[in-house]
């Protein structure tokens, strides 16, 4: 199950990276596109975080279940954060009230989960 979930997370990271590049290009060609630039940065940065976390979990460097949970949190949180900013740019409204702050809070929690996954010793 973890191998399948790891592959799904890698696919999602690839999609996040592609979306990040698309939003970076869009922000370069639109006036007042700071939201798109922020969404792009979050997508690109956290796509790499997902890939790194999955790699660490698969290599046994960190606790796999906690690491995979952190990577899943990065995906969901980034979707909330970047999705809200992108929708605000193009539709004039967000996903739902407090979607971006909820995503940001979940990103913080996911980073802390990654720290726990590394600090919590594995059983032999």
PDB file of N, CA and C in Angstrom:
ATOM      1  N   UNK A   1       0.822  -1.206   0.000  1.00  0.00           N
ATOM      2  CA  UNK A   1       0.000   0.000   0.000  1.00  0.00           C
ATOM      3  C   UNK A   1       0.858   1.259   0.000  1.00  0.00           C
ATOM      4  N   UNK A   2       1.923   1.263   0.812  1.00  0.00           N
ATOM      5  CA  UNK A   2       2.761   2.460   0.872  1.00  0.00           C
ATOM      6  C   UNK A   2       3.445   2.740  -0.458  1.00  0.00           C
ATOM      7  N   UNK A   3       3.847   1.685  -1.190  1.00  0.00           N
ATOM      8  CA  UNK A   3       4.490   1.888  -2.493  1.00  0.00           C
ATOM      9  C   UNK A   3       3.512   2.541  -3.471  1.00  0.00           C
ATOM     10  N   UNK A   4       2.266   2.094  -3.445  1.00  0.00           N
ATOM     11  CA  UNK A   4       1.248   2.673  -4.333  1.00  0.00           C
ATOM     12  C   UNK A   4       0.985   4.128  -3.953  1.00  0.00           C
ATOM     13  N   UNK A   5       0.860   4.391  -2.667  1.00  0.00           N
ATOM     14  CA  UNK A   5       0.636   5.751  -2.206  1.00  0.00           C
ATOM     15  C   UNK A   5       1.832   6.639  -2.544  1.00  0.00           C
ATOM     16  N   UNK A   6       3.027   6.108  -2.423  1.00  0.00           N
ATOM     17  CA  UNK A   6       4.227   6.870  -2.796  1.00  0.00           C
ATOM     18  C   UNK A   6       4.175   7.267  -4.264  1.00  0.00           C
ATOM     19  N   UNK A   7       3.788   6.332  -5.128  1.00  0.00           N
ATOM     20  CA  UNK A   7       3.701   6.638  -6.558  1.00  0.00           C
ATOM     21  C   UNK A   7       2.625   7.678  -6.836  1.00  0.00           C
ATOM     22  N   UNK A   8       1.509   7.588  -6.150  1.00  0.00           N
ATOM     23  CA  UNK A   8       0.455   8.593  -6.310  1.00  0.00           C
ATOM     24  C   UNK A   8       0.976   9.962  -5.898  1.00  0.00           C
ATOM     25  N   UNK A   9       1.694  10.020  -4.785  1.00  0.00           N
ATOM     26  CA  UNK A   9       2.251  11.293  -4.321  1.00  0.00           C
ATOM     27  C   UNK A   9       3.265  11.849  -5.316  1.00  0.00           C
ATOM     28  N   UNK A  10       4.062  10.988  -5.933  1.00  0.00           N
ATOM     29  CA  UNK A  10       5.031  11.439  -6.935  1.00  0.00           C
ATOM     30  C   UNK A  10       4.304  12.001  -8.153  1.00  0.00           C
ATOM     31  N   UNK A  11       3.238  11.332  -8.587  1.00  0.00           N
ATOM     32  CA  UNK A  11       2.424  11.844  -9.702  1.00  0.00           C
ATOM     33  C   UNK A  11       1.857  13.214  -9.337  1.00  0.00           C
ATOM     34  N   UNK A  12       1.311  13.342  -8.139  1.00  0.00           N
ATOM     35  CA  UNK A  12       0.751  14.632  -7.709  1.00  0.00           C
ATOM     36  C   UNK A  12       1.824  15.709  -7.634  1.00  0.00           C
ATOM     37  N   UNK A  13       3.028  15.346  -7.196  1.00  0.00           N
ATOM     38  CA  UNK A  13       4.135  16.308  -7.162  1.00  0.00           C
ATOM     39  C   UNK A  13       4.470  16.790  -8.574  1.00  0.00           C
ATOM     40  N   UNK A  14       4.441  15.868  -9.538  1.00  0.00           N
ATOM     41  CA  UNK A  14       4.675  16.269 -10.924  1.00  0.00           C
ATOM     42  C   UNK A  14       3.621  17.238 -11.423  1.00  0.00           C
ATOM     43  N   UNK A  15       2.378  16.983 -11.071  1.00  0.00           N
ATOM     44  CA  UNK A  15       1.284  17.882 -11.457  1.00  0.00           C
ATOM     45  C   UNK A  15       1.444  19.231 -10.759  1.00  0.00           C
ATOM     46  N   UNK A  16       1.820  19.200  -9.488  1.00  0.00           N
ATOM     47  CA  UNK A  16       2.053  20.444  -8.757  1.00  0.00           C
ATOM     48  C   UNK A  16       3.163  21.256  -9.423  1.00  0.00           C
ATOM     49  N   UNK A  17       4.243  20.582  -9.814  1.00  0.00           N
ATOM     50  CA  UNK A  17       5.346  21.276 -10.478  1.00  0.00           C
ATOM     51  C   UNK A  17       4.907  21.899 -11.797  1.00  0.00           C
ATOM     52  N   UNK A  18       4.168  21.142 -12.585  1.00  0.00           N
ATOM     53  CA  UNK A  18       3.676  21.668 -13.862  1.00  0.00           C
ATOM     54  C   UNK A  18       2.756  22.870 -13.636  1.00  0.00           C
ATOM     55  N   UNK A  19       1.864  22.751 -12.668  1.00  0.00           N
ATOM     56  CA  UNK A  19       0.963  23.868 -12.354  1.00  0.00           C
ATOM     57  C   UNK A  19       1.745  25.084 -11.873  1.00  0.00           C
ATOM     58  N   UNK A  20       2.790  24.844 -11.105  1.00  0.00           N
ATOM     59  CA  UNK A  20       3.626  25.949 -10.636  1.00  0.00           C
ATOM     60  C   UNK A  20       4.275  26.702 -11.782  1.00  0.00           C
ATOM     61  N   UNK A  21       4.767  25.978 -12.779  1.00  0.00           N
ATOM     62  CA  UNK A  21       5.378  26.619 -13.946  1.00  0.00           C
ATOM     63  C   UNK A  21       4.319  27.383 -14.746  1.00  0.00           C
ATOM     64  N   UNK A  22       3.138  26.783 -14.905  1.00  0.00           N
ATOM     65  CA  UNK A  22       2.045  27.456 -15.626  1.00  0.00           C
ATOM     66  C   UNK A  22       1.688  28.769 -14.934  1.00  0.00           C
ATOM     67  N   UNK A  23       1.553  28.729 -13.612  1.00  0.00           N
ATOM     68  CA  UNK A  23       1.194  29.955 -12.890  1.00  0.00           C
ATOM     69  C   UNK A  23       2.320  30.977 -12.907  1.00  0.00           C
ATOM     70  N   UNK A  24       3.570  30.522 -12.914  1.00  0.00           N
ATOM     71  CA  UNK A  24       4.702  31.457 -13.030  1.00  0.00           C
ATOM     72  C   UNK A  24       4.649  32.177 -14.370  1.00  0.00           C
ATOM     73  N   UNK A  25       4.369  31.438 -15.439  1.00  0.00           N
ATOM     74  CA  UNK A  25       4.250  32.060 -16.756  1.00  0.00           C
ATOM     75  C   UNK A  25       3.067  33.020 -16.800  1.00  0.00           C
ATOM     76  N   UNK A  26       1.941  32.596 -16.234  1.00  0.00           N
ATOM     77  CA  UNK A  26       0.761  33.469 -16.221  1.00  0.00           C
ATOM     78  C   UNK A  26       1.031  34.748 -15.445  1.00  0.00           C
ATOM     79  N   UNK A  27       1.727  34.617 -14.327  1.00  0.00           N
ATOM     80  CA  UNK A  27       2.001  35.818 -13.512  1.00  0.00           C
ATOM     81  C   UNK A  27       2.953  36.769 -14.222  1.00  0.00           C
ATOM     82  N   UNK A  28       3.822  36.231 -15.077  1.00  0.00           N
ATOM     83  CA  UNK A  28       4.757  37.082 -15.814  1.00  0.00           C
ATOM     84  C   UNK A  28       4.064  37.877 -16.916  1.00  0.00           C
ATOM     85  N   UNK A  29       2.891  37.437 -17.336  1.00  0.00           N
ATOM     86  CA  UNK A  29       2.198  38.074 -18.461  1.00  0.00           C
ATOM     87  C   UNK A  29       0.935  38.813 -18.052  1.00  0.00           C
ATOM     88  N   UNK A  30       0.689  38.928 -16.748  1.00  0.00           N
ATOM     89  CA  UNK A  30      -0.509  39.624 -16.296  1.00  0.00           C
ATOM     90  C   UNK A  30      -0.132  40.716 -15.304  1.00  0.00           C
ATOM     91  N   UNK A  31      -0.861  41.802 -15.382  1.00  0.00           N
ATOM     92  CA  UNK A  31      -0.676  42.862 -14.402  1.00  0.00           C
ATOM     93  C   UNK A  31      -1.347  42.447 -13.096  1.00  0.00           C
ATOM     94  N   UNK A  32      -0.827  42.903 -11.993  1.00  0.00           N
ATOM     95  CA  UNK A  32      -1.392  42.611 -10.670  1.00  0.00           C
ATOM     96  C   UNK A  32      -1.573  41.114 -10.450  1.00  0.00           C
ATOM     97  N   UNK A  33      -0.515  40.360 -10.671  1.00  0.00           N
ATOM     98  CA  UNK A  33      -0.596  38.909 -10.563  1.00  0.00           C
ATOM     99  C   UNK A  33       0.230  38.378  -9.397  1.00  0.00           C
ATOM    100  N   UNK A  34       0.334  39.154  -8.327  1.00  0.00           N
ATOM    101  CA  UNK A  34       1.112  38.714  -7.164  1.00  0.00           C
ATOM    102  C   UNK A  34       0.550  37.428  -6.571  1.00  0.00           C
ATOM    103  N   UNK A  35      -0.767  37.280  -6.613  1.00  0.00           N
ATOM    104  CA  UNK A  35      -1.376  36.042  -6.100  1.00  0.00           C
ATOM    105  C   UNK A  35      -0.884  34.828  -6.888  1.00  0.00           C
ATOM    106  N   UNK A  36      -0.803  34.983  -8.202  1.00  0.00           N
ATOM    107  CA  UNK A  36      -0.355  33.864  -9.031  1.00  0.00           C
ATOM    108  C   UNK A  36       1.109  33.538  -8.764  1.00  0.00           C
ATOM    109  N   UNK A  37       1.921  34.559  -8.544  1.00  0.00           N
ATOM    110  CA  UNK A  37       3.334  34.320  -8.233  1.00  0.00           C
ATOM    111  C   UNK A  37       3.469  33.583  -6.908  1.00  0.00           C
ATOM    112  N   UNK A  38       2.673  33.969  -5.921  1.00  0.00           N
ATOM    113  CA  UNK A  38       2.702  33.275  -4.630  1.00  0.00           C
ATOM    114  C   UNK A  38       2.232  31.832  -4.769  1.00  0.00           C
ATOM    115  N   UNK A  39       1.157  31.621  -5.523  1.00  0.00           N
ATOM    116  CA  UNK A  39       0.649  30.272  -5.729  1.00  0.00           C
ATOM    117  C   UNK A  39       1.686  29.421  -6.460  1.00  0.00           C
ATOM    118  N   UNK A  40       2.344  30.013  -7.455  1.00  0.00           N
ATOM    119  CA  UNK A  40       3.382  29.303  -8.200  1.00  0.00           C
ATOM    120  C   UNK A  40       4.517  28.869  -7.288  1.00  0.00           C
ATOM    121  N   UNK A  41       4.984  29.772  -6.456  1.00  0.00           N
ATOM    122  CA  UNK A  41       6.078  29.449  -5.532  1.00  0.00           C
ATOM    123  C   UNK A  41       5.690  28.327  -4.580  1.00  0.00           C
ATOM    124  N   UNK A  42       4.498  28.387  -4.041  1.00  0.00           N
ATOM    125  CA  UNK A  42       4.044  27.336  -3.131  1.00  0.00           C
ATOM    126  C   UNK A  42       3.980  25.984  -3.832  1.00  0.00           C
ATOM    127  N   UNK A  43       3.475  25.971  -5.040  1.00  0.00           N
ATOM    128  CA  UNK A  43       3.371  24.718  -5.786  1.00  0.00           C
ATOM    129  C   UNK A  43       4.751  24.137  -6.095  1.00  0.00           C
ATOM    130  N   UNK A  44       5.650  24.965  -6.601  1.00  0.00           N
ATOM    131  CA  UNK A  44       6.974  24.477  -6.971  1.00  0.00           C
ATOM    132  C   UNK A  44       7.762  24.018  -5.742  1.00  0.00           C
ATOM    133  N   UNK A  45       7.742  24.811  -4.713  1.00  0.00           N
ATOM    134  CA  UNK A  45       8.495  24.490  -3.501  1.00  0.00           C
ATOM    135  C   UNK A  45       7.984  23.204  -2.860  1.00  0.00           C
ATOM    136  N   UNK A  46       6.685  23.085  -2.739  1.00  0.00           N
ATOM    137  CA  UNK A  46       6.136  21.917  -2.047  1.00  0.00           C
ATOM    138  C   UNK A  46       6.077  20.671  -2.928  1.00  0.00           C
ATOM    139  N   UNK A  47       6.132  20.828  -4.247  1.00  0.00           N
ATOM    140  CA  UNK A  47       6.298  19.655  -5.108  1.00  0.00           C
ATOM    141  C   UNK A  47       7.627  18.983  -4.781  1.00  0.00           C
ATOM    142  N   UNK A  48       8.663  19.790  -4.606  1.00  0.00           N
ATOM    143  CA  UNK A  48       9.971  19.240  -4.231  1.00  0.00           C
ATOM    144  C   UNK A  48       9.950  18.655  -2.822  1.00  0.00           C
ATOM    145  N   UNK A  49       9.211  19.284  -1.933  1.00  0.00           N
ATOM    146  CA  UNK A  49       9.098  18.751  -0.570  1.00  0.00           C
ATOM    147  C   UNK A  49       8.426  17.375  -0.581  1.00  0.00           C
ATOM    148  N   UNK A  50       7.406  17.216  -1.417  1.00  0.00           N
ATOM    149  CA  UNK A  50       6.738  15.915  -1.533  1.00  0.00           C
ATOM    150  C   UNK A  50       7.723  14.870  -2.043  1.00  0.00           C
ATOM    151  N   UNK A  51       8.450  15.197  -3.111  1.00  0.00           N
ATOM    152  CA  UNK A  51       9.408  14.243  -3.674  1.00  0.00           C
ATOM    153  C   UNK A  51      10.473  13.857  -2.658  1.00  0.00           C
ATOM    154  N   UNK A  52      11.012  14.847  -1.960  1.00  0.00           N
ATOM    155  CA  UNK A  52      12.037  14.571  -0.962  1.00  0.00           C
ATOM    156  C   UNK A  52      11.519  13.748   0.197  1.00  0.00           C
ATOM    157  N   UNK A  53      10.334  14.044   0.651  1.00  0.00           N
ATOM    158  CA  UNK A  53       9.755  13.313   1.775  1.00  0.00           C
ATOM    159  C   UNK A  53       9.469  11.867   1.393  1.00  0.00           C
ATOM    160  N   UNK A  54       8.934  11.654   0.201  1.00  0.00           N
ATOM    161  CA  UNK A  54       8.672  10.292  -0.264  1.00  0.00           C
ATOM    162  C   UNK A  54       9.982   9.520  -0.382  1.00  0.00           C
ATOM    163  N   UNK A  55      11.005  10.155  -0.924  1.00  0.00           N
ATOM    164  CA  UNK A  55      12.302   9.484  -1.067  1.00  0.00           C
ATOM    165  C   UNK A  55      12.875   9.109   0.297  1.00  0.00           C
ATOM    166  N   UNK A  56      12.792  10.007   1.257  1.00  0.00           N
ATOM    167  CA  UNK A  56      13.286   9.714   2.605  1.00  0.00           C
ATOM    168  C   UNK A  56      12.502   8.575   3.243  1.00  0.00           C
ATOM    169  N   UNK A  57      11.190   8.574   3.046  1.00  0.00           N
ATOM    170  CA  UNK A  57      10.353   7.519   3.616  1.00  0.00           C
ATOM    171  C   UNK A  57      10.678   6.170   2.978  1.00  0.00           C
ATOM    172  N   UNK A  58      10.839   6.158   1.654  1.00  0.00           N
ATOM    173  CA  UNK A  58      11.127   4.900   0.964  1.00  0.00           C
ATOM    174  C   UNK A  58      12.503   4.345   1.321  1.00  0.00           C
ATOM    175  N   UNK A  59      13.436   5.212   1.617  1.00  0.00           N
ATOM    176  CA  UNK A  59      14.790   4.772   1.976  1.00  0.00           C
ATOM    177  C   UNK A  59      14.906   4.410   3.453  1.00  0.00           C
ATOM    178  N   UNK A  60      13.842   4.640   4.196  1.00  0.00           N
ATOM    179  CA  UNK A  60      13.863   4.303   5.613  1.00  0.00           C
ATOM    180  C   UNK A  60      14.603   5.299   6.482  1.00  0.00           C
ATOM    181  N   UNK A  61      14.891   6.470   5.944  1.00  0.00           N
ATOM    182  CA  UNK A  61      15.586   7.501   6.719  1.00  0.00           C
ATOM    183  C   UNK A  61      14.652   8.102   7.767  1.00  0.00           C
ATOM    184  N   UNK A  62      13.375   8.187   7.418  1.00  0.00           N
ATOM    185  CA  UNK A  62      12.365   8.708   8.339  1.00  0.00           C
ATOM    186  C   UNK A  62      11.282   7.645   8.505  1.00  0.00           C
ATOM    187  N   UNK A  63      10.469   7.798   9.535  1.00  0.00           N
ATOM    188  CA  UNK A  63       9.326   6.895   9.724  1.00  0.00           C
ATOM    189  C   UNK A  63       8.400   7.033   8.529  1.00  0.00           C
ATOM    190  N   UNK A  64       8.187   5.924   7.844  1.00  0.00           N
ATOM    191  CA  UNK A  64       7.462   5.954   6.572  1.00  0.00           C
ATOM    192  C   UNK A  64       6.038   6.480   6.719  1.00  0.00           C
ATOM    193  N   UNK A  65       5.291   5.970   7.670  1.00  0.00           N
ATOM    194  CA  UNK A  65       3.879   6.386   7.780  1.00  0.00           C
ATOM    195  C   UNK A  65       3.746   7.864   8.108  1.00  0.00           C
ATOM    196  N   UNK A  66       4.584   8.346   9.003  1.00  0.00           N
ATOM    197  CA  UNK A  66       4.528   9.768   9.351  1.00  0.00           C
ATOM    198  C   UNK A  66       5.000  10.605   8.167  1.00  0.00           C
ATOM    199  N   UNK A  67       6.039  10.146   7.488  1.00  0.00           N
ATOM    200  CA  UNK A  67       6.544  10.859   6.312  1.00  0.00           C
ATOM    201  C   UNK A  67       5.530  10.924   5.192  1.00  0.00           C
ATOM    202  N   UNK A  68       4.870   9.803   4.927  1.00  0.00           N
ATOM    203  CA  UNK A  68       3.843   9.777   3.879  1.00  0.00           C
ATOM    204  C   UNK A  68       2.668  10.671   4.274  1.00  0.00           C
ATOM    205  N   UNK A  69       2.352  10.707   5.566  1.00  0.00           N
ATOM    206  CA  UNK A  69       1.297  11.624   6.038  1.00  0.00           C
ATOM    207  C   UNK A  69       1.711  13.071   5.811  1.00  0.00           C
ATOM    208  N   UNK A  70       2.969  13.384   6.090  1.00  0.00           N
ATOM    209  CA  UNK A  70       3.469  14.744   5.865  1.00  0.00           C
ATOM    210  C   UNK A  70       3.405  15.100   4.383  1.00  0.00           C
ATOM    211  N   UNK A  71       3.840  14.180   3.523  1.00  0.00           N
ATOM    212  CA  UNK A  71       3.803  14.432   2.079  1.00  0.00           C
ATOM    213  C   UNK A  71       2.370  14.629   1.599  1.00  0.00           C
ATOM    214  N   UNK A  72       1.454  13.823   2.115  1.00  0.00           N
ATOM    215  CA  UNK A  72       0.037  13.977   1.771  1.00  0.00           C
ATOM    216  C   UNK A  72      -0.481  15.336   2.234  1.00  0.00           C
ATOM    217  N   UNK A  73      -0.051  15.747   3.415  1.00  0.00           N
ATOM    218  CA  UNK A  73      -0.427  17.065   3.919  1.00  0.00           C
ATOM    219  C   UNK A  73       0.097  18.176   3.024  1.00  0.00           C
ATOM    220  N   UNK A  74       1.346  18.030   2.526  1.00  0.00           N
ATOM    221  CA  UNK A  74       1.895  19.034   1.605  1.00  0.00           C
ATOM    222  C   UNK A  74       1.015  19.163   0.362  1.00  0.00           C
ATOM    223  N   UNK A  75       0.568  18.047  -0.173  1.00  0.00           N
ATOM    224  CA  UNK A  75      -0.256  18.068  -1.387  1.00  0.00           C
ATOM    225  C   UNK A  75      -1.591  18.759  -1.112  1.00  0.00           C
ATOM    226  N   UNK A  76      -2.291  18.310  -0.080  1.00  0.00           N
ATOM    227  CA  UNK A  76      -3.605  18.883   0.231  1.00  0.00           C
ATOM    228  C   UNK A  76      -3.495  20.359   0.585  1.00  0.00           C
ATOM    229  N   UNK A  77      -2.548  20.694   1.437  1.00  0.00           N
ATOM    230  CA  UNK A  77      -2.407  22.076   1.889  1.00  0.00           C
ATOM    231  C   UNK A  77      -2.040  23.005   0.743  1.00  0.00           C
ATOM    232  N   UNK A  78      -1.147  22.562  -0.120  1.00  0.00           N
ATOM    233  CA  UNK A  78      -0.747  23.395  -1.250  1.00  0.00           C
ATOM    234  C   UNK A  78      -1.911  23.581  -2.214  1.00  0.00           C
ATOM    235  N   UNK A  79      -2.711  22.532  -2.392  1.00  0.00           N
ATOM    236  CA  UNK A  79      -3.898  22.661  -3.249  1.00  0.00           C
ATOM    237  C   UNK A  79      -4.854  23.707  -2.683  1.00  0.00           C
ATOM    238  N   UNK A  80      -5.054  23.686  -1.376  1.00  0.00           N
ATOM    239  CA  UNK A  80      -5.927  24.686  -0.751  1.00  0.00           C
ATOM    240  C   UNK A  80      -5.362  26.092  -0.931  1.00  0.00           C
ATOM    241  N   UNK A  81      -4.087  26.240  -0.600  1.00  0.00           N
ATOM    242  CA  UNK A  81      -3.453  27.560  -0.629  1.00  0.00           C
ATOM    243  C   UNK A  81      -3.406  28.108  -2.057  1.00  0.00           C
ATOM    244  N   UNK A  82      -2.801  27.339  -2.963  1.00  0.00           N
ATOM    245  CA  UNK A  82      -2.637  27.817  -4.338  1.00  0.00           C
ATOM    246  C   UNK A  82      -3.979  27.882  -5.064  1.00  0.00           C
ATOM    247  N   UNK A  83      -4.844  26.928  -4.795  1.00  0.00           N
ATOM    248  CA  UNK A  83      -6.161  26.946  -5.429  1.00  0.00           C
ATOM    249  C   UNK A  83      -6.960  28.178  -5.042  1.00  0.00           C
ATOM    250  N   UNK A  84      -6.899  28.531  -3.768  1.00  0.00           N
ATOM    251  CA  UNK A  84      -7.629  29.712  -3.304  1.00  0.00           C
ATOM    252  C   UNK A  84      -7.084  30.980  -3.960  1.00  0.00           C
ATOM    253  N   UNK A  85      -5.751  31.122  -3.991  1.00  0.00           N
ATOM    254  CA  UNK A  85      -5.163  32.319  -4.603  1.00  0.00           C
ATOM    255  C   UNK A  85      -5.453  32.401  -6.094  1.00  0.00           C
ATOM    256  N   UNK A  86      -5.389  31.269  -6.777  1.00  0.00           N
ATOM    257  CA  UNK A  86      -5.640  31.247  -8.212  1.00  0.00           C
ATOM    258  C   UNK A  86      -7.099  31.570  -8.519  1.00  0.00           C
ATOM    259  N   UNK A  87      -8.002  30.992  -7.762  1.00  0.00           N
ATOM    260  CA  UNK A  87      -9.424  31.275  -7.968  1.00  0.00           C
ATOM    261  C   UNK A  87      -9.730  32.744  -7.674  1.00  0.00           C
ATOM    262  N   UNK A  88      -9.095  33.304  -6.661  1.00  0.00           N
ATOM    263  CA  UNK A  88      -9.296  34.730  -6.369  1.00  0.00           C
ATOM    264  C   UNK A  88      -8.822  35.594  -7.537  1.00  0.00           C
ATOM    265  N   UNK A  89      -7.719  35.190  -8.166  1.00  0.00           N
ATOM    266  CA  UNK A  89      -7.180  35.955  -9.293  1.00  0.00           C
ATOM    267  C   UNK A  89      -8.119  35.912 -10.493  1.00  0.00           C
ATOM    268  N   UNK A  90      -8.622  34.729 -10.812  1.00  0.00           N
ATOM    269  CA  UNK A  90      -9.389  34.569 -12.040  1.00  0.00           C
ATOM    270  C   UNK A  90     -10.905  34.684 -11.867  1.00  0.00           C
ATOM    271  N   UNK A  91     -11.433  34.319 -10.709  1.00  0.00           N
ATOM    272  CA  UNK A  91     -12.888  34.340 -10.517  1.00  0.00           C
ATOM    273  C   UNK A  91     -13.345  35.439  -9.561  1.00  0.00           C
ATOM    274  N   UNK A  92     -12.391  36.061  -8.866  1.00  0.00           N
ATOM    275  CA  UNK A  92     -12.755  37.123  -7.941  1.00  0.00           C
ATOM    276  C   UNK A  92     -13.305  36.625  -6.613  1.00  0.00           C
ATOM    277  N   UNK A  93     -13.205  35.316  -6.379  1.00  0.00           N
ATOM    278  CA  UNK A  93     -13.642  34.737  -5.105  1.00  0.00           C
ATOM    279  C   UNK A  93     -12.739  33.544  -4.796  1.00  0.00           C
ATOM    280  N   UNK A  94     -12.691  33.181  -3.528  1.00  0.00           N
ATOM    281  CA  UNK A  94     -11.850  32.065  -3.116  1.00  0.00           C
ATOM    282  C   UNK A  94     -12.591  30.741  -3.123  1.00  0.00           C
ATOM    283  N   UNK A  95     -11.883  29.683  -2.740  1.00  0.00           N
ATOM    284  CA  UNK A  95     -12.499  28.354  -2.643  1.00  0.00           C
ATOM    285  C   UNK A  95     -13.603  28.339  -1.605  1.00  0.00           C
ATOM    286  N   UNK A  96     -13.269  28.787  -0.409  1.00  0.00           N
ATOM    287  CA  UNK A  96     -14.203  28.918   0.706  1.00  0.00           C
ATOM    288  C   UNK A  96     -13.529  29.828   1.722  1.00  0.00           C
ATOM    289  N   UNK A  97     -14.269  30.380   2.684  1.00  0.00           N
ATOM    290  CA  UNK A  97     -13.644  31.280   3.658  1.00  0.00           C
ATOM    291  C   UNK A  97     -12.477  30.595   4.384  1.00  0.00           C
ATOM    292  N   UNK A  98     -11.386  31.296   4.458  1.00  0.00           N
ATOM    293  CA  UNK A  98     -10.172  30.856   5.155  1.00  0.00           C
ATOM    294  C   UNK A  98      -9.487  29.656   4.505  1.00  0.00           C
ATOM    295  N   UNK A  99      -9.708  29.428   3.216  1.00  0.00           N
ATOM    296  CA  UNK A  99      -9.059  28.296   2.543  1.00  0.00           C
ATOM    297  C   UNK A  99      -7.543  28.467   2.532  1.00  0.00           C
ATOM    298  N   UNK A 100      -7.054  29.649   2.158  1.00  0.00           N
ATOM    299  CA  UNK A 100      -5.602  29.865   2.112  1.00  0.00           C
ATOM    300  C   UNK A 100      -4.973  29.761   3.509  1.00  0.00           C
ATOM    301  N   UNK A 101      -5.540  30.396   4.529  1.00  0.00           N
ATOM    302  CA  UNK A 101      -4.947  30.228   5.860  1.00  0.00           C
ATOM    303  C   UNK A 101      -5.023  28.789   6.376  1.00  0.00           C
ATOM    304  N   UNK A 102      -6.087  28.087   6.016  1.00  0.00           N
ATOM    305  CA  UNK A 102      -6.191  26.674   6.400  1.00  0.00           C
ATOM    306  C   UNK A 102      -5.080  25.882   5.732  1.00  0.00           C
ATOM    307  N   UNK A 103      -4.863  26.151   4.450  1.00  0.00           N
ATOM    308  CA  UNK A 103      -3.770  25.497   3.739  1.00  0.00           C
ATOM    309  C   UNK A 103      -2.425  25.835   4.346  1.00  0.00           C
ATOM    310  N   UNK A 104      -2.221  27.094   4.694  1.00  0.00           N
ATOM    311  CA  UNK A 104      -0.962  27.506   5.318  1.00  0.00           C
ATOM    312  C   UNK A 104      -0.732  26.830   6.656  1.00  0.00           C
ATOM    313  N   UNK A 105      -1.778  26.721   7.449  1.00  0.00           N
ATOM    314  CA  UNK A 105      -1.673  26.044   8.746  1.00  0.00           C
ATOM    315  C   UNK A 105      -1.351  24.567   8.566  1.00  0.00           C
ATOM    316  N   UNK A 106      -1.996  23.935   7.587  1.00  0.00           N
ATOM    317  CA  UNK A 106      -1.715  22.528   7.307  1.00  0.00           C
ATOM    318  C   UNK A 106      -0.290  22.341   6.781  1.00  0.00           C
ATOM    319  N   UNK A 107       0.225  23.317   6.035  1.00  0.00           N
ATOM    320  CA  UNK A 107       1.623  23.243   5.592  1.00  0.00           C
ATOM    321  C   UNK A 107       2.564  23.263   6.791  1.00  0.00           C
ATOM    322  N   UNK A 108       2.305  24.141   7.735  1.00  0.00           N
ATOM    323  CA  UNK A 108       3.136  24.194   8.946  1.00  0.00           C
ATOM    324  C   UNK A 108       3.076  22.857   9.677  1.00  0.00           C
ATOM    325  N   UNK A 109       1.871  22.320   9.826  1.00  0.00           N
ATOM    326  CA  UNK A 109       1.712  21.026  10.511  1.00  0.00           C
ATOM    327  C   UNK A 109       2.436  19.911   9.755  1.00  0.00           C
ATOM    328  N   UNK A 110       2.413  19.957   8.430  1.00  0.00           N
ATOM    329  CA  UNK A 110       3.091  18.934   7.630  1.00  0.00           C
ATOM    330  C   UNK A 110       4.601  19.023   7.790  1.00  0.00           C
ATOM    331  N   UNK A 111       5.136  20.234   7.829  1.00  0.00           N
ATOM    332  CA  UNK A 111       6.581  20.396   8.072  1.00  0.00           C
ATOM    333  C   UNK A 111       6.958  19.873   9.455  1.00  0.00           C
ATOM    334  N   UNK A 112       6.112  20.145  10.438  1.00  0.00           N
ATOM    335  CA  UNK A 112       6.380  19.624  11.783  1.00  0.00           C
ATOM    336  C   UNK A 112       6.273  18.106  11.814  1.00  0.00           C
ATOM    337  N   UNK A 113       5.334  17.535  11.055  1.00  0.00           N
ATOM    338  CA  UNK A 113       5.226  16.072  10.968  1.00  0.00           C
ATOM    339  C   UNK A 113       6.485  15.486  10.346  1.00  0.00           C
ATOM    340  N   UNK A 114       7.040  16.153   9.355  1.00  0.00           N
ATOM    341  CA  UNK A 114       8.292  15.696   8.757  1.00  0.00           C
ATOM    342  C   UNK A 114       9.413  15.707   9.786  1.00  0.00           C
ATOM    343  N   UNK A 115       9.460  16.747  10.601  1.00  0.00           N
ATOM    344  CA  UNK A 115      10.473  16.818  11.658  1.00  0.00           C
ATOM    345  C   UNK A 115      10.296  15.669  12.648  1.00  0.00           C
ATOM    346  N   UNK A 116       9.065  15.381  13.004  1.00  0.00           N
ATOM    347  CA  UNK A 116       8.784  14.267  13.918  1.00  0.00           C
ATOM    348  C   UNK A 116       9.196  12.944  13.276  1.00  0.00           C
ATOM    349  N   UNK A 117       8.907  12.782  11.990  1.00  0.00           N
ATOM    350  CA  UNK A 117       9.262  11.548  11.285  1.00  0.00           C
ATOM    351  C   UNK A 117      10.762  11.305  11.308  1.00  0.00           C
ATOM    352  N   UNK A 118      11.533  12.377  11.286  1.00  0.00           N
ATOM    353  CA  UNK A 118      12.990  12.248  11.322  1.00  0.00           C
ATOM    354  C   UNK A 118      13.511  12.066  12.741  1.00  0.00           C
ATOM    355  N   UNK A 119      12.865  12.702  13.703  1.00  0.00           N
ATOM    356  CA  UNK A 119      13.354  12.672  15.081  1.00  0.00           C
ATOM    357  C   UNK A 119      12.922  11.423  15.843  1.00  0.00           C
ATOM    358  N   UNK A 120      11.815  10.836  15.463  1.00  0.00           N
ATOM    359  CA  UNK A 120      11.264   9.691  16.155  1.00  0.00           C
ATOM    360  C   UNK A 120      11.976   8.439  15.665  1.00  0.00           C
ATOM    361  N   UNK A 121      12.744   7.789  16.517  1.00  0.00           N
ATOM    362  CA  UNK A 121      13.518   6.641  16.054  1.00  0.00           C
ATOM    363  C   UNK A 121      12.640   5.478  15.583  1.00  0.00           C
ATOM    364  N   UNK A 122      13.122   4.813  14.560  1.00  0.00           N
ATOM    365  CA  UNK A 122      12.413   3.650  14.034  1.00  0.00           C
ATOM    366  C   UNK A 122      12.685   2.452  14.921  1.00  0.00           C
ATOM    367  N   UNK A 123      11.730   1.529  14.904  1.00  0.00           N
ATOM    368  CA  UNK A 123      11.936   0.265  15.594  1.00  0.00           C
ATOM    369  C   UNK A 123      12.747  -0.660  14.713  1.00  0.00           C
ATOM    370  N   UNK A 124      13.624  -1.451  15.289  1.00  0.00           N
ATOM    371  CA  UNK A 124      14.409  -2.406  14.499  1.00  0.00           C
ATOM    372  C   UNK A 124      13.764  -3.761  14.495  1.00  0.00           C
TER     373      UNK A 124
END
